[in-house]
């Protein structure tokens, strides 16, 4: 770890490159020239509307009622017993 410590100490003492002085202006200039997606907002609204519609339709569909299985630990045929799960009954 001594080599790593010496290398990091040397790097900390080194002067910053001159190119870093203008990096903020360069980044902001590139952000300003980026085209704004015209379809970005419309696509997001369309996806949100589709998800909302799918959720509402799925929530309204009737679910088939199944009788509740007894999970009593001392009953004869527990549906979650390993023997029952392995046989597939």
PDB file of N, CA and C in Angstrom:
ATOM      1  N   UNK A   1       0.817  -1.205   0.000  1.00  0.00           N
ATOM      2  CA  UNK A   1       0.000   0.000   0.000  1.00  0.00           C
ATOM      3  C   UNK A   1       0.857   1.263   0.000  1.00  0.00           C
ATOM      4  N   UNK A   2       2.146   1.127   0.273  1.00  0.00           N
ATOM      5  CA  UNK A   2       2.994   2.311   0.283  1.00  0.00           C
ATOM      6  C   UNK A   2       3.107   2.925  -1.103  1.00  0.00           C
ATOM      7  N   UNK A   3       3.183   2.089  -2.139  1.00  0.00           N
ATOM      8  CA  UNK A   3       3.262   2.622  -3.501  1.00  0.00           C
ATOM      9  C   UNK A   3       1.991   3.379  -3.858  1.00  0.00           C
ATOM     10  N   UNK A   4       0.865   2.831  -3.482  1.00  0.00           N
ATOM     11  CA  UNK A   4      -0.413   3.490  -3.768  1.00  0.00           C
ATOM     12  C   UNK A   4      -0.519   4.814  -3.025  1.00  0.00           C
ATOM     13  N   UNK A   5      -0.110   4.826  -1.769  1.00  0.00           N
ATOM     14  CA  UNK A   5      -0.154   6.072  -0.997  1.00  0.00           C
ATOM     15  C   UNK A   5       0.755   7.129  -1.597  1.00  0.00           C
ATOM     16  N   UNK A   6       1.974   6.718  -2.007  1.00  0.00           N
ATOM     17  CA  UNK A   6       2.903   7.686  -2.618  1.00  0.00           C
ATOM     18  C   UNK A   6       2.366   8.196  -3.953  1.00  0.00           C
ATOM     19  N   UNK A   7       1.765   7.313  -4.735  1.00  0.00           N
ATOM     20  CA  UNK A   7       1.215   7.723  -6.030  1.00  0.00           C
ATOM     21  C   UNK A   7       0.054   8.691  -5.843  1.00  0.00           C
ATOM     22  N   UNK A   8      -0.808   8.407  -4.889  1.00  0.00           N
ATOM     23  CA  UNK A   8      -1.938   9.303  -4.634  1.00  0.00           C
ATOM     24  C   UNK A   8      -1.469  10.645  -4.080  1.00  0.00           C
ATOM     25  N   UNK A   9      -0.460  10.635  -3.240  1.00  0.00           N
ATOM     26  CA  UNK A   9       0.075  11.891  -2.710  1.00  0.00           C
ATOM     27  C   UNK A   9       0.701  12.716  -3.824  1.00  0.00           C
ATOM     28  N   UNK A  10       1.422  12.065  -4.745  1.00  0.00           N
ATOM     29  CA  UNK A  10       2.019  12.784  -5.877  1.00  0.00           C
ATOM     30  C   UNK A  10       0.915  13.354  -6.784  1.00  0.00           C
ATOM     31  N   UNK A  11      -0.138  12.589  -7.007  1.00  0.00           N
ATOM     32  CA  UNK A  11      -1.247  13.060  -7.834  1.00  0.00           C
ATOM     33  C   UNK A  11      -1.969  14.227  -7.175  1.00  0.00           C
ATOM     34  N   UNK A  12      -2.117  14.188  -5.853  1.00  0.00           N
ATOM     35  CA  UNK A  12      -2.781  15.280  -5.141  1.00  0.00           C
ATOM     36  C   UNK A  12      -1.958  16.562  -5.202  1.00  0.00           C
ATOM     37  N   UNK A  13      -0.639  16.431  -5.238  1.00  0.00           N
ATOM     38  CA  UNK A  13       0.216  17.615  -5.281  1.00  0.00           C
ATOM     39  C   UNK A  13       0.429  18.162  -6.677  1.00  0.00           C
ATOM     40  N   UNK A  14       0.047  17.407  -7.697  1.00  0.00           N
ATOM     41  CA  UNK A  14       0.251  17.861  -9.081  1.00  0.00           C
ATOM     42  C   UNK A  14      -0.738  18.967  -9.418  1.00  0.00           C
ATOM     43  N   UNK A  15      -0.324  19.919 -10.240  1.00  0.00           N
ATOM     44  CA  UNK A  15      -1.248  20.989 -10.636  1.00  0.00           C
ATOM     45  C   UNK A  15      -2.321  20.451 -11.582  1.00  0.00           C
ATOM     46  N   UNK A  16      -3.474  21.056 -11.539  1.00  0.00           N
ATOM     47  CA  UNK A  16      -4.580  20.652 -12.416  1.00  0.00           C
ATOM     48  C   UNK A  16      -4.280  21.079 -13.847  1.00  0.00           C
ATOM     49  N   UNK A  17      -4.666  20.270 -14.821  1.00  0.00           N
ATOM     50  CA  UNK A  17      -4.439  20.639 -16.222  1.00  0.00           C
ATOM     51  C   UNK A  17      -5.183  21.925 -16.573  1.00  0.00           C
ATOM     52  N   UNK A  18      -4.590  22.717 -17.472  1.00  0.00           N
ATOM     53  CA  UNK A  18      -5.205  23.988 -17.883  1.00  0.00           C
ATOM     54  C   UNK A  18      -6.519  23.768 -18.632  1.00  0.00           C
ATOM     55  N   UNK A  19      -6.691  22.614 -19.255  1.00  0.00           N
ATOM     56  CA  UNK A  19      -7.915  22.346 -20.021  1.00  0.00           C
ATOM     57  C   UNK A  19      -9.140  22.282 -19.118  1.00  0.00           C
ATOM     58  N   UNK A  20      -8.945  22.040 -17.820  1.00  0.00           N
ATOM     59  CA  UNK A  20     -10.092  21.951 -16.910  1.00  0.00           C
ATOM     60  C   UNK A  20     -10.695  23.320 -16.597  1.00  0.00           C
ATOM     61  N   UNK A  21      -9.974  24.406 -16.901  1.00  0.00           N
ATOM     62  CA  UNK A  21     -10.502  25.742 -16.627  1.00  0.00           C
ATOM     63  C   UNK A  21     -11.730  26.053 -17.473  1.00  0.00           C
ATOM     64  N   UNK A  22     -11.760  25.560 -18.695  1.00  0.00           N
ATOM     65  CA  UNK A  22     -12.852  25.891 -19.610  1.00  0.00           C
ATOM     66  C   UNK A  22     -13.854  24.753 -19.763  1.00  0.00           C
ATOM     67  N   UNK A  23     -13.768  23.739 -18.934  1.00  0.00           N
ATOM     68  CA  UNK A  23     -14.637  22.583 -19.127  1.00  0.00           C
ATOM     69  C   UNK A  23     -16.110  22.912 -18.859  1.00  0.00           C
ATOM     70  N   UNK A  24     -16.394  23.805 -17.916  1.00  0.00           N
ATOM     71  CA  UNK A  24     -17.784  24.167 -17.622  1.00  0.00           C
ATOM     72  C   UNK A  24     -18.444  24.802 -18.835  1.00  0.00           C
ATOM     73  N   UNK A  25     -17.744  25.714 -19.456  1.00  0.00           N
ATOM     74  CA  UNK A  25     -18.300  26.391 -20.634  1.00  0.00           C
ATOM     75  C   UNK A  25     -18.507  25.407 -21.780  1.00  0.00           C
ATOM     76  N   UNK A  26     -17.571  24.470 -21.953  1.00  0.00           N
ATOM     77  CA  UNK A  26     -17.714  23.479 -23.024  1.00  0.00           C
ATOM     78  C   UNK A  26     -18.914  22.562 -22.783  1.00  0.00           C
ATOM     79  N   UNK A  27     -19.091  22.135 -21.564  1.00  0.00           N
ATOM     80  CA  UNK A  27     -20.221  21.252 -21.249  1.00  0.00           C
ATOM     81  C   UNK A  27     -21.543  21.977 -21.463  1.00  0.00           C
ATOM     82  N   UNK A  28     -21.649  23.205 -20.967  1.00  0.00           N
ATOM     83  CA  UNK A  28     -22.890  23.962 -21.139  1.00  0.00           C
ATOM     84  C   UNK A  28     -23.165  24.273 -22.600  1.00  0.00           C
ATOM     85  N   UNK A  29     -22.122  24.513 -23.400  1.00  0.00           N
ATOM     86  CA  UNK A  29     -22.308  24.770 -24.833  1.00  0.00           C
ATOM     87  C   UNK A  29     -22.835  23.518 -25.535  1.00  0.00           C
ATOM     88  N   UNK A  30     -22.312  22.356 -25.165  1.00  0.00           N
ATOM     89  CA  UNK A  30     -22.790  21.117 -25.788  1.00  0.00           C
ATOM     90  C   UNK A  30     -24.211  20.788 -25.365  1.00  0.00           C
ATOM     91  N   UNK A  31     -24.562  21.100 -24.133  1.00  0.00           N
ATOM     92  CA  UNK A  31     -25.930  20.860 -23.682  1.00  0.00           C
ATOM     93  C   UNK A  31     -26.881  21.776 -24.433  1.00  0.00           C
ATOM     94  N   UNK A  32     -26.467  23.012 -24.674  1.00  0.00           N
ATOM     95  CA  UNK A  32     -27.318  23.966 -25.385  1.00  0.00           C
ATOM     96  C   UNK A  32     -27.541  23.610 -26.834  1.00  0.00           C
ATOM     97  N   UNK A  33     -26.595  22.917 -27.465  1.00  0.00           N
ATOM     98  CA  UNK A  33     -26.744  22.567 -28.881  1.00  0.00           C
ATOM     99  C   UNK A  33     -27.459  21.240 -29.090  1.00  0.00           C
ATOM    100  N   UNK A  34     -27.734  20.512 -28.031  1.00  0.00           N
ATOM    101  CA  UNK A  34     -28.445  19.243 -28.159  1.00  0.00           C
ATOM    102  C   UNK A  34     -29.887  19.483 -28.548  1.00  0.00           C
ATOM    103  N   UNK A  35     -30.383  18.778 -29.559  1.00  0.00           N
ATOM    104  CA  UNK A  35     -31.792  18.961 -29.934  1.00  0.00           C
ATOM    105  C   UNK A  35     -32.723  18.358 -28.871  1.00  0.00           C
ATOM    106  N   UNK A  36     -33.777  19.063 -28.610  1.00  0.00           N
ATOM    107  CA  UNK A  36     -34.771  18.583 -27.649  1.00  0.00           C
ATOM    108  C   UNK A  36     -35.685  17.608 -28.369  1.00  0.00           C
ATOM    109  N   UNK A  37     -35.911  16.459 -27.774  1.00  0.00           N
ATOM    110  CA  UNK A  37     -36.764  15.454 -28.400  1.00  0.00           C
ATOM    111  C   UNK A  37     -38.200  15.939 -28.473  1.00  0.00           C
ATOM    112  N   UNK A  38     -38.721  16.085 -29.679  1.00  0.00           N
ATOM    113  CA  UNK A  38     -40.090  16.564 -29.862  1.00  0.00           C
ATOM    114  C   UNK A  38     -41.099  15.480 -29.480  1.00  0.00           C
ATOM    115  N   UNK A  39     -40.727  14.224 -29.703  1.00  0.00           N
ATOM    116  CA  UNK A  39     -41.658  13.140 -29.400  1.00  0.00           C
ATOM    117  C   UNK A  39     -41.496  12.618 -27.991  1.00  0.00           C
ATOM    118  N   UNK A  40     -40.516  13.078 -27.254  1.00  0.00           N
ATOM    119  CA  UNK A  40     -40.252  12.557 -25.919  1.00  0.00           C
ATOM    120  C   UNK A  40     -41.440  12.699 -24.987  1.00  0.00           C
ATOM    121  N   UNK A  41     -42.045  13.887 -24.951  1.00  0.00           N
ATOM    122  CA  UNK A  41     -43.183  14.108 -24.068  1.00  0.00           C
ATOM    123  C   UNK A  41     -44.421  13.342 -24.510  1.00  0.00           C
ATOM    124  N   UNK A  42     -44.667  13.331 -25.814  1.00  0.00           N
ATOM    125  CA  UNK A  42     -45.841  12.631 -26.345  1.00  0.00           C
ATOM    126  C   UNK A  42     -45.715  11.126 -26.137  1.00  0.00           C
ATOM    127  N   UNK A  43     -44.511  10.599 -26.314  1.00  0.00           N
ATOM    128  CA  UNK A  43     -44.306   9.167 -26.124  1.00  0.00           C
ATOM    129  C   UNK A  43     -44.504   8.789 -24.656  1.00  0.00           C
ATOM    130  N   UNK A  44     -44.036   9.634 -23.764  1.00  0.00           N
ATOM    131  CA  UNK A  44     -44.207   9.355 -22.337  1.00  0.00           C
ATOM    132  C   UNK A  44     -45.683   9.369 -21.951  1.00  0.00           C
ATOM    133  N   UNK A  45     -46.434  10.311 -22.485  1.00  0.00           N
ATOM    134  CA  UNK A  45     -47.868  10.382 -22.200  1.00  0.00           C
ATOM    135  C   UNK A  45     -48.576   9.159 -22.775  1.00  0.00           C
ATOM    136  N   UNK A  46     -48.183   8.722 -23.964  1.00  0.00           N
ATOM    137  CA  UNK A  46     -48.818   7.562 -24.581  1.00  0.00           C
ATOM    138  C   UNK A  46     -48.540   6.289 -23.773  1.00  0.00           C
ATOM    139  N   UNK A  47     -47.315   6.127 -23.327  1.00  0.00           N
ATOM    140  CA  UNK A  47     -46.975   4.943 -22.532  1.00  0.00           C
ATOM    141  C   UNK A  47     -47.705   4.966 -21.192  1.00  0.00           C
ATOM    142  N   UNK A  48     -47.790   6.130 -20.565  1.00  0.00           N
ATOM    143  CA  UNK A  48     -48.491   6.235 -19.284  1.00  0.00           C
ATOM    144  C   UNK A  48     -49.985   5.944 -19.466  1.00  0.00           C
ATOM    145  N   UNK A  49     -50.589   6.437 -20.542  1.00  0.00           N
ATOM    146  CA  UNK A  49     -52.007   6.182 -20.791  1.00  0.00           C
ATOM    147  C   UNK A  49     -52.253   4.699 -21.061  1.00  0.00           C
ATOM    148  N   UNK A  50     -51.341   4.060 -21.809  1.00  0.00           N
ATOM    149  CA  UNK A  50     -51.496   2.627 -22.084  1.00  0.00           C
ATOM    150  C   UNK A  50     -51.367   1.819 -20.793  1.00  0.00           C
ATOM    151  N   UNK A  51     -50.419   2.173 -19.939  1.00  0.00           N
ATOM    152  CA  UNK A  51     -50.248   1.453 -18.675  1.00  0.00           C
ATOM    153  C   UNK A  51     -51.462   1.648 -17.777  1.00  0.00           C
ATOM    154  N   UNK A  52     -51.996   2.861 -17.734  1.00  0.00           N
ATOM    155  CA  UNK A  52     -53.174   3.129 -16.919  1.00  0.00           C
ATOM    156  C   UNK A  52     -54.375   2.344 -17.432  1.00  0.00           C
ATOM    157  N   UNK A  53     -54.561   2.318 -18.748  1.00  0.00           N
ATOM    158  CA  UNK A  53     -55.676   1.583 -19.335  1.00  0.00           C
ATOM    159  C   UNK A  53     -55.540   0.086 -19.066  1.00  0.00           C
ATOM    160  N   UNK A  54     -54.345  -0.446 -19.251  1.00  0.00           N
ATOM    161  CA  UNK A  54     -54.123  -1.862 -19.007  1.00  0.00           C
ATOM    162  C   UNK A  54     -54.367  -2.209 -17.543  1.00  0.00           C
ATOM    163  N   UNK A  55     -53.940  -1.353 -16.633  1.00  0.00           N
ATOM    164  CA  UNK A  55     -54.173  -1.599 -15.220  1.00  0.00           C
ATOM    165  C   UNK A  55     -55.643  -1.557 -14.855  1.00  0.00           C
ATOM    166  N   UNK A  56     -56.379  -0.619 -15.437  1.00  0.00           N
ATOM    167  CA  UNK A  56     -57.810  -0.522 -15.137  1.00  0.00           C
ATOM    168  C   UNK A  56     -58.571  -1.720 -15.702  1.00  0.00           C
ATOM    169  N   UNK A  57     -58.233  -2.134 -16.930  1.00  0.00           N
ATOM    170  CA  UNK A  57     -58.907  -3.284 -17.536  1.00  0.00           C
ATOM    171  C   UNK A  57     -58.568  -4.548 -16.760  1.00  0.00           C
ATOM    172  N   UNK A  58     -57.295  -4.712 -16.391  1.00  0.00           N
ATOM    173  CA  UNK A  58     -56.889  -5.894 -15.627  1.00  0.00           C
ATOM    174  C   UNK A  58     -57.522  -5.937 -14.252  1.00  0.00           C
ATOM    175  N   UNK A  59     -57.753  -4.794 -13.656  1.00  0.00           N
ATOM    176  CA  UNK A  59     -58.387  -4.759 -12.353  1.00  0.00           C
ATOM    177  C   UNK A  59     -59.872  -5.068 -12.397  1.00  0.00           C
ATOM    178  N   UNK A  60     -60.497  -4.838 -13.523  1.00  0.00           N
ATOM    179  CA  UNK A  60     -61.928  -5.081 -13.658  1.00  0.00           C
ATOM    180  C   UNK A  60     -62.263  -6.506 -14.074  1.00  0.00           C
ATOM    181  N   UNK A  61     -61.283  -7.244 -14.601  1.00  0.00           N
ATOM    182  CA  UNK A  61     -61.564  -8.608 -15.029  1.00  0.00           C
ATOM    183  C   UNK A  61     -61.853  -9.469 -13.804  1.00  0.00           C
ATOM    184  N   UNK A  62     -62.883 -10.299 -13.896  1.00  0.00           N
ATOM    185  CA  UNK A  62     -63.207 -11.133 -12.735  1.00  0.00           C
ATOM    186  C   UNK A  62     -62.174 -12.244 -12.559  1.00  0.00           C
ATOM    187  N   UNK A  63     -61.800 -12.466 -11.336  1.00  0.00           N
ATOM    188  CA  UNK A  63     -60.861 -13.538 -11.027  1.00  0.00           C
ATOM    189  C   UNK A  63     -61.653 -14.789 -10.684  1.00  0.00           C
ATOM    190  N   UNK A  64     -61.142 -15.943 -11.067  1.00  0.00           N
ATOM    191  CA  UNK A  64     -61.839 -17.182 -10.747  1.00  0.00           C
ATOM    192  C   UNK A  64     -61.609 -17.502  -9.276  1.00  0.00           C
ATOM    193  N   UNK A  65     -62.679 -17.808  -8.592  1.00  0.00           N
ATOM    194  CA  UNK A  65     -62.599 -18.091  -7.160  1.00  0.00           C
ATOM    195  C   UNK A  65     -62.178 -19.541  -6.954  1.00  0.00           C
ATOM    196  N   UNK A  66     -61.189 -19.724  -6.107  1.00  0.00           N
ATOM    197  CA  UNK A  66     -60.737 -21.062  -5.768  1.00  0.00           C
ATOM    198  C   UNK A  66     -60.918 -21.241  -4.273  1.00  0.00           C
ATOM    199  N   UNK A  67     -61.337 -22.429  -3.856  1.00  0.00           N
ATOM    200  CA  UNK A  67     -61.507 -22.645  -2.413  1.00  0.00           C
ATOM    201  C   UNK A  67     -60.149 -22.558  -1.719  1.00  0.00           C
ATOM    202  N   UNK A  68     -60.169 -21.980  -0.548  1.00  0.00           N
ATOM    203  CA  UNK A  68     -58.938 -21.832   0.222  1.00  0.00           C
ATOM    204  C   UNK A  68     -58.496 -23.183   0.749  1.00  0.00           C
ATOM    205  N   UNK A  69     -57.221 -23.476   0.588  1.00  0.00           N
ATOM    206  CA  UNK A  69     -56.683 -24.744   1.070  1.00  0.00           C
ATOM    207  C   UNK A  69     -56.350 -24.616   2.545  1.00  0.00           C
ATOM    208  N   UNK A  70     -56.584 -25.674   3.280  1.00  0.00           N
ATOM    209  CA  UNK A  70     -56.280 -25.682   4.698  1.00  0.00           C
ATOM    210  C   UNK A  70     -54.777 -25.831   4.891  1.00  0.00           C
ATOM    211  N   UNK A  71     -54.208 -24.964   5.689  1.00  0.00           N
ATOM    212  CA  UNK A  71     -52.782 -25.035   5.957  1.00  0.00           C
ATOM    213  C   UNK A  71     -52.508 -25.480   7.390  1.00  0.00           C
ATOM    214  N   UNK A  72     -53.442 -26.216   7.948  1.00  0.00           N
ATOM    215  CA  UNK A  72     -53.262 -26.715   9.314  1.00  0.00           C
ATOM    216  C   UNK A  72     -52.081 -27.685   9.325  1.00  0.00           C
ATOM    217  N   UNK A  73     -51.147 -27.522  10.254  1.00  0.00           N
ATOM    218  CA  UNK A  73     -49.939 -28.349  10.233  1.00  0.00           C
ATOM    219  C   UNK A  73     -50.190 -29.814  10.547  1.00  0.00           C
ATOM    220  N   UNK A  74     -51.244 -30.133  11.257  1.00  0.00           N
ATOM    221  CA  UNK A  74     -51.487 -31.526  11.639  1.00  0.00           C
ATOM    222  C   UNK A  74     -52.550 -32.200  10.789  1.00  0.00           C
ATOM    223  N   UNK A  75     -53.020 -31.536   9.764  1.00  0.00           N
ATOM    224  CA  UNK A  75     -54.031 -32.163   8.916  1.00  0.00           C
ATOM    225  C   UNK A  75     -53.361 -33.202   8.023  1.00  0.00           C
ATOM    226  N   UNK A  76     -54.158 -34.070   7.480  1.00  0.00           N
ATOM    227  CA  UNK A  76     -53.624 -35.174   6.698  1.00  0.00           C
ATOM    228  C   UNK A  76     -52.951 -34.767   5.402  1.00  0.00           C
ATOM    229  N   UNK A  77     -53.546 -33.874   4.642  1.00  0.00           N
ATOM    230  CA  UNK A  77     -52.981 -33.533   3.341  1.00  0.00           C
ATOM    231  C   UNK A  77     -52.732 -32.053   3.192  1.00  0.00           C
ATOM    232  N   UNK A  78     -51.619 -31.603   3.633  1.00  0.00           N
ATOM    233  CA  UNK A  78     -51.282 -30.188   3.489  1.00  0.00           C
ATOM    234  C   UNK A  78     -50.803 -29.934   2.060  1.00  0.00           C
ATOM    235  N   UNK A  79     -51.352 -28.923   1.395  1.00  0.00           N
ATOM    236  CA  UNK A  79     -50.950 -28.681   0.004  1.00  0.00           C
ATOM    237  C   UNK A  79     -49.513 -28.185  -0.132  1.00  0.00           C
ATOM    238  N   UNK A  80     -48.903 -27.759   0.959  1.00  0.00           N
ATOM    239  CA  UNK A  80     -47.528 -27.276   0.889  1.00  0.00           C
ATOM    240  C   UNK A  80     -46.522 -28.274   1.447  1.00  0.00           C
ATOM    241  N   UNK A  81     -46.960 -29.486   1.761  1.00  0.00           N
ATOM    242  CA  UNK A  81     -46.047 -30.513   2.253  1.00  0.00           C
ATOM    243  C   UNK A  81     -45.122 -30.937   1.113  1.00  0.00           C
ATOM    244  N   UNK A  82     -43.854 -31.214   1.405  1.00  0.00           N
ATOM    245  CA  UNK A  82     -42.927 -31.614   0.331  1.00  0.00           C
ATOM    246  C   UNK A  82     -43.407 -32.832  -0.447  1.00  0.00           C
ATOM    247  N   UNK A  83     -44.016 -33.809   0.237  1.00  0.00           N
ATOM    248  CA  UNK A  83     -44.484 -34.989  -0.479  1.00  0.00           C
ATOM    249  C   UNK A  83     -45.596 -34.626  -1.452  1.00  0.00           C
ATOM    250  N   UNK A  84     -46.468 -33.721  -1.082  1.00  0.00           N
ATOM    251  CA  UNK A  84     -47.546 -33.301  -1.976  1.00  0.00           C
ATOM    252  C   UNK A  84     -47.004 -32.498  -3.144  1.00  0.00           C
ATOM    253  N   UNK A  85     -46.052 -31.629  -2.876  1.00  0.00           N
ATOM    254  CA  UNK A  85     -45.472 -30.817  -3.944  1.00  0.00           C
ATOM    255  C   UNK A  85     -44.680 -31.666  -4.934  1.00  0.00           C
ATOM    256  N   UNK A  86     -43.988 -32.697  -4.458  1.00  0.00           N
ATOM    257  CA  UNK A  86     -43.202 -33.531  -5.351  1.00  0.00           C
ATOM    258  C   UNK A  86     -44.071 -34.432  -6.206  1.00  0.00           C
ATOM    259  N   UNK A  87     -45.173 -34.925  -5.642  1.00  0.00           N
ATOM    260  CA  UNK A  87     -46.064 -35.803  -6.398  1.00  0.00           C
ATOM    261  C   UNK A  87     -46.863 -35.001  -7.401  1.00  0.00           C
ATOM    262  N   UNK A  88     -47.171 -33.766  -7.088  1.00  0.00           N
ATOM    263  CA  UNK A  88     -47.906 -32.902  -8.009  1.00  0.00           C
ATOM    264  C   UNK A  88     -49.399 -33.020  -7.880  1.00  0.00           C
ATOM    265  N   UNK A  89     -49.879 -33.446  -6.747  1.00  0.00           N
ATOM    266  CA  UNK A  89     -51.332 -33.573  -6.563  1.00  0.00           C
ATOM    267  C   UNK A  89     -51.932 -32.238  -6.201  1.00  0.00           C
TER     268      UNK A  89
END
